[in-house]
Protein backbone atom coordinates (compact mmCIF):
# COMPACT_ATOMS: atom_id res chain seq x y z
CA MET A 1 -48.60 28.05 22.85
CA LYS A 2 -47.70 28.83 19.00
CA LYS A 3 -44.22 29.54 19.61
CA ALA A 4 -43.72 26.56 21.60
CA LEU A 5 -45.18 24.22 18.88
CA PHE A 6 -42.96 26.24 16.32
CA ALA A 7 -39.86 25.75 18.02
CA ALA A 8 -40.54 22.18 18.56
CA ARG A 9 -41.11 21.69 15.24
CA PHE A 10 -37.81 23.80 14.33
CA ALA A 11 -35.89 21.47 16.57
CA LEU A 12 -37.32 18.21 14.96
CA VAL A 13 -36.72 19.44 11.63
CA SER A 14 -33.30 20.70 12.48
CA ALA A 15 -32.26 17.54 14.11
CA CYS A 16 -33.43 15.67 10.90
CA ALA A 17 -31.42 17.68 9.14
CA LEU A 18 -28.26 17.38 10.82
CA MET A 19 -28.83 13.54 11.20
CA THR A 20 -28.86 12.98 7.49
CA ALA A 21 -25.77 15.55 6.79
CA ALA A 22 -23.63 14.51 9.38
CA PRO A 23 -22.41 11.27 7.90
CA ALA A 24 -21.08 13.12 4.89
CA PHE A 25 -19.00 15.59 7.29
CA ALA A 26 -18.17 12.66 9.60
CA GLY A 27 -15.77 11.21 7.42
CA TYR A 28 -12.66 12.13 5.55
CA LEU A 29 -11.00 11.56 2.14
CA GLN A 30 -9.00 8.28 2.08
CA CYS A 31 -6.31 7.53 -0.53
CA VAL A 32 -8.27 4.58 -2.39
CA PRO A 33 -11.33 6.36 -3.74
CA PHE A 34 -8.99 9.46 -4.64
CA ALA A 35 -6.37 7.09 -6.33
CA ARG A 36 -9.21 5.21 -8.11
CA GLN A 37 -10.67 8.62 -9.37
CA VAL A 38 -7.43 10.25 -10.56
CA SER A 39 -5.98 7.02 -11.94
CA GLY A 40 -9.15 5.21 -13.53
CA ILE A 41 -7.90 2.25 -12.13
CA ASP A 42 -11.10 0.61 -10.99
CA ILE A 43 -9.95 -1.73 -7.61
CA ARG A 44 -12.11 -1.45 -4.68
CA GLY A 45 -11.12 -2.12 -0.89
CA ASN A 46 -8.24 -1.37 1.27
CA ALA A 47 -4.98 -0.03 -0.41
CA HIS A 48 -2.92 -3.03 0.91
CA THR A 49 -5.21 -5.31 -1.22
CA TRP A 50 -4.91 -3.44 -4.49
CA TRP A 51 -1.83 -5.44 -5.71
CA ASP A 52 -3.06 -8.76 -5.31
CA GLN A 53 -6.53 -7.44 -6.89
CA ALA A 54 -4.63 -6.04 -9.95
CA ALA A 55 -3.26 -9.50 -10.94
CA GLY A 56 -4.60 -10.66 -14.23
CA ARG A 57 -6.76 -7.43 -14.20
CA TYR A 58 -4.14 -4.70 -14.85
CA GLU A 59 -0.41 -5.12 -15.86
CA ARG A 60 1.73 -4.46 -12.75
CA GLY A 61 5.52 -3.82 -12.75
CA GLN A 62 8.37 -2.35 -10.61
CA ALA A 63 8.91 0.49 -13.07
CA PRO A 64 7.18 4.03 -12.53
CA ARG A 65 4.93 5.21 -15.09
CA GLU A 66 2.92 8.40 -15.19
CA GLY A 67 -0.59 7.62 -14.50
CA ALA A 68 0.42 4.18 -12.63
CA VAL A 69 -0.40 3.64 -9.02
CA LEU A 70 2.15 2.92 -6.55
CA ALA A 71 0.84 0.25 -4.11
CA PHE A 72 2.50 0.22 -0.62
CA ALA A 73 2.16 -2.72 1.75
CA ALA A 74 0.53 -2.63 4.93
CA THR A 75 2.60 -1.95 7.96
CA ARG A 76 2.25 -1.26 11.64
CA LYS A 77 1.86 2.52 11.29
CA MET A 78 -0.19 1.98 8.31
CA PRO A 79 -2.36 -1.19 8.68
CA ASN A 80 -4.64 -0.65 5.36
CA GLY A 81 -1.63 0.19 3.17
CA HIS A 82 -1.74 3.24 0.81
CA VAL A 83 -2.01 3.95 -2.92
CA ALA A 84 -0.87 7.03 -4.66
CA MET A 85 -0.93 8.03 -8.37
CA VAL A 86 2.49 8.69 -10.04
CA SER A 87 1.94 12.23 -11.72
CA LYS A 88 5.46 12.48 -13.33
CA VAL A 89 8.44 10.24 -13.51
CA LEU A 90 11.81 12.30 -12.62
CA SER A 91 14.04 9.47 -12.97
CA PRO A 92 14.15 5.76 -12.68
CA ARG A 93 14.35 6.14 -9.03
CA GLU A 94 12.25 9.35 -8.62
CA VAL A 95 8.78 10.39 -9.00
CA LEU A 96 6.06 12.98 -8.16
CA LEU A 97 2.77 11.46 -6.46
CA THR A 98 -0.39 12.98 -6.17
CA HIS A 99 -2.48 11.33 -3.30
CA ALA A 100 -4.69 11.67 -0.27
CA ASN A 101 -4.64 11.39 3.46
CA TRP A 102 -0.88 11.09 3.66
CA SER A 103 0.81 14.24 5.39
CA SER A 104 -2.87 15.40 6.97
CA ARG A 105 -5.99 13.45 7.59
CA GLY A 106 -8.05 13.74 4.49
CA GLY A 107 -5.80 16.07 2.63
CA ILE A 108 -4.65 16.00 -0.96
CA GLU A 109 -1.10 16.30 -2.19
CA ARG A 110 -0.22 16.98 -5.85
CA ASP A 111 3.20 16.24 -7.13
CA VAL A 112 5.15 15.24 -4.08
CA ARG A 113 8.65 13.79 -4.25
CA ALA A 114 8.82 10.10 -3.62
CA VAL A 115 12.20 8.40 -3.84
CA ASP A 116 12.99 4.62 -4.38
CA VAL A 117 15.28 3.69 -1.67
CA SER A 118 15.64 -0.14 -2.20
CA GLU A 119 18.79 -1.82 -2.62
CA ALA A 120 17.84 -3.22 -5.69
CA GLY A 121 16.39 -0.02 -7.28
CA ASP A 122 12.85 -2.12 -7.42
CA TRP A 123 10.75 0.43 -5.59
CA SER A 124 10.09 -2.17 -2.63
CA LYS A 125 10.98 0.62 -0.29
CA VAL A 126 10.19 4.19 -0.52
CA ARG A 127 10.58 7.39 1.31
CA VAL A 128 7.69 9.99 0.44
CA TRP A 129 7.58 13.90 0.94
CA PHE A 130 5.83 14.36 4.55
CA GLY A 131 4.38 18.05 4.69
CA PRO A 132 5.13 18.94 8.05
CA MET A 133 8.75 18.27 7.72
CA HIS A 134 8.95 20.09 4.34
CA ASP A 135 10.83 17.04 3.34
CA LEU A 136 10.99 13.62 2.73
CA GLY A 137 9.80 11.68 5.53
CA LEU A 138 12.19 9.58 7.54
CA THR A 139 10.30 6.02 7.13
CA ALA A 140 11.26 3.81 4.31
CA TYR A 141 7.78 2.29 3.50
CA PRO A 142 7.60 -1.27 2.09
CA ALA A 143 5.97 -1.07 -1.45
CA HIS A 144 5.06 -3.98 -3.97
CA GLY A 145 5.20 -1.68 -7.11
CA PHE A 146 3.31 -0.27 -9.68
CA ILE A 147 -0.31 -1.21 -11.29
CA TYR A 148 -0.56 0.72 -14.91
CA ALA A 149 -3.49 2.49 -15.65
CA ASN A 150 -3.76 0.92 -19.43
CA GLY A 151 -6.93 -0.24 -18.82
CA PRO A 152 -8.25 -3.96 -17.47
CA LEU A 153 -6.45 -6.70 -19.22
CA GLU A 154 -8.49 -8.28 -21.69
CA ALA A 155 -7.81 -11.81 -23.07
CA ALA A 156 -6.29 -10.90 -26.16
CA PRO A 157 -7.41 -13.25 -28.92
CA GLN A 158 -4.52 -14.90 -30.74
CA LEU A 159 -4.13 -13.58 -34.13
CA ALA A 160 -2.82 -15.41 -37.53
CA ALA A 161 -2.45 -14.21 -40.91
CA LYS A 162 -5.36 -14.81 -43.04
CA ALA A 163 -5.14 -14.52 -47.09
CA GLY A 164 -6.88 -11.33 -48.07
CA ALA A 165 -6.29 -9.24 -51.12
CA PRO A 166 -2.95 -8.89 -52.93
CA GLY A 167 -0.60 -6.99 -50.77
CA ILE A 168 -3.35 -6.84 -47.80
CA ALA A 169 -2.82 -8.99 -44.74
CA THR A 170 -6.12 -9.47 -42.70
CA PHE A 171 -6.33 -11.09 -39.20
CA ALA A 172 -8.48 -13.64 -37.59
CA PRO A 173 -8.65 -15.36 -34.11
CA ILE A 174 -6.95 -18.65 -34.14
CA GLU A 175 -9.97 -21.26 -33.30
């Protein structure tokens, strides 16, 4: 009787432990939380929404900068878009990216090559290293551009020179 009661309790405790642990193991690393963590850009939601969410909050542009996030558009193959941090700029049309969930589900890749293949040189079409091929992937993915990790934009007060001590200029907001 004691063995049966012990076995029942053990099974119950084990089942409860598995139920609480399973959600942590059920998922896999996504590009968004990884990009947010490595870049410091505090945007939430699917990757394809980052470009629009960054408007007015972060500086955006078409030139790569170290630490910026390259925001990919949604496609049929990539309906949630993708975000990747620029770890190094090699040239105006070639960078190294650090990102998650690209070549393998939930995997992290550091310093992998990405090339601007757009006709205009504006990073609107990008080919990215694909691990299983050991080369750039064959697809040219559409991208919006770069979100710069220079901190959220703040309404910069307009400044005007104010008379101070001789040879010293001080500044105060224009009211």
